[in-house]
Amino acid sequence: MTQDELPELTDEQIGKLARRLFGPEEKWDDAAAEFVLKLYGIDTEDTTAYAIKLLNNVVQRKRERGEDVPHPVLTLLAKLEQKADKNVTE
């Protein structure tokens, strides 16, 4: 089986794998946390992209629950997206 043929892991499977490898989250070191973030497809080298992904997840969850999204969260998200767009065009 090649790398391309490996099945994608669900979030639940990633969580179970991480707990088996590293134990409870509160005991993870930086390397363990970085490995888990990479399993989720988050590039830890790009903190702006990480922050955008994190905030988008927060906004999505709040909207799914019918909650209002605080204006400062939306403002921060917009500023980070502008920064990312600026970095791409440079």
Protein backbone atom coordinates (compact mmCIF):
# COMPACT_ATOMS: atom_id res chain seq x y z
CA MET A 1 0.00 0.00 0.00
CA THR A 2 1.42 3.39 -0.97
CA GLN A 3 1.10 6.67 0.92
CA ASP A 4 -1.62 7.80 -1.51
CA GLU A 5 -3.65 4.66 -0.88
CA LEU A 6 -3.79 5.09 2.91
CA PRO A 7 -7.28 5.92 4.16
CA GLU A 8 -7.86 9.35 5.69
CA LEU A 9 -8.31 9.30 9.47
CA THR A 10 -11.42 10.79 11.04
CA ASP A 11 -11.05 13.32 13.85
CA GLU A 12 -12.07 10.62 16.33
CA GLN A 13 -9.41 8.22 14.98
CA ILE A 14 -6.76 10.94 15.15
CA GLY A 15 -7.72 11.65 18.77
CA LYS A 16 -7.53 7.97 19.72
CA LEU A 17 -4.17 7.58 17.97
CA ALA A 18 -2.75 10.65 19.71
CA ARG A 19 -3.90 9.47 23.15
CA ARG A 20 -2.37 6.03 22.57
CA LEU A 21 0.93 7.51 21.40
CA PHE A 22 1.30 10.38 23.87
CA GLY A 23 -1.11 9.80 26.74
CA PRO A 24 -3.52 12.46 28.04
CA GLU A 25 -3.34 15.89 26.36
CA GLU A 26 -2.15 17.62 29.52
CA LYS A 27 1.03 15.51 29.40
CA TRP A 28 1.94 16.30 25.77
CA ASP A 29 5.19 18.08 25.09
CA ASP A 30 5.66 20.51 22.18
CA ALA A 31 6.77 17.76 19.79
CA ALA A 32 3.68 15.67 20.53
CA ALA A 33 1.36 18.64 20.07
CA GLU A 34 3.05 19.57 16.78
CA PHE A 35 2.72 15.98 15.52
CA VAL A 36 -1.01 15.94 16.30
CA LEU A 37 -1.53 19.31 14.59
CA LYS A 38 0.17 17.93 11.49
CA LEU A 39 -2.16 14.89 11.60
CA TYR A 40 -5.03 17.35 11.45
CA GLY A 41 -3.39 19.02 8.43
CA ILE A 42 -2.24 22.17 10.22
CA ASP A 43 1.15 23.52 9.15
CA THR A 44 2.77 24.56 12.41
CA GLU A 45 5.34 26.66 10.56
CA ASP A 46 2.65 29.08 9.38
CA THR A 47 1.14 30.61 12.50
CA THR A 48 -1.10 33.00 10.55
CA ALA A 49 -2.71 30.13 8.65
CA TYR A 50 -3.07 28.20 11.91
CA ALA A 51 -4.77 31.13 13.62
CA ILE A 52 -7.15 31.60 10.67
CA LYS A 53 -8.07 27.92 10.69
CA LEU A 54 -8.60 28.00 14.46
CA LEU A 55 -10.80 31.10 14.34
CA ASN A 56 -12.80 29.77 11.38
CA ASN A 57 -13.51 26.64 13.42
CA VAL A 58 -14.68 28.75 16.38
CA VAL A 59 -16.94 30.84 14.13
CA GLN A 60 -18.37 27.75 12.43
CA ARG A 61 -19.16 26.01 15.74
CA LYS A 62 -20.84 29.11 17.18
CA ARG A 63 -22.97 29.56 14.06
CA GLU A 64 -23.93 25.87 14.03
CA ARG A 65 -25.18 26.27 17.62
CA GLY A 66 -27.07 29.44 16.68
CA GLU A 67 -24.83 31.63 18.83
CA ASP A 68 -23.68 35.14 17.97
CA VAL A 69 -20.03 35.44 16.99
CA PRO A 70 -18.33 38.23 19.00
CA HIS A 71 -17.37 41.17 16.81
CA PRO A 72 -13.72 41.17 18.01
CA VAL A 73 -13.34 37.56 16.80
CA LEU A 74 -14.62 38.50 13.34
CA THR A 75 -12.38 41.58 13.28
CA LEU A 76 -9.31 39.56 14.21
CA LEU A 77 -10.16 36.94 11.61
CA ALA A 78 -10.51 39.60 8.91
CA LYS A 79 -7.16 41.17 9.84
CA LEU A 80 -5.40 37.80 9.77
CA GLU A 81 -6.94 36.97 6.39
CA GLN A 82 -5.75 40.36 5.04
CA LYS A 83 -2.26 39.62 6.36
CA ALA A 84 -2.26 36.20 4.72
CA ASP A 85 -3.48 37.66 1.42
CA LYS A 86 -0.78 40.35 1.57
CA ASN A 87 1.92 37.72 2.17
CA VAL A 88 0.72 35.70 -0.82
CA THR A 89 0.87 38.68 -3.19
CA GLU A 90 4.34 39.77 -2.08
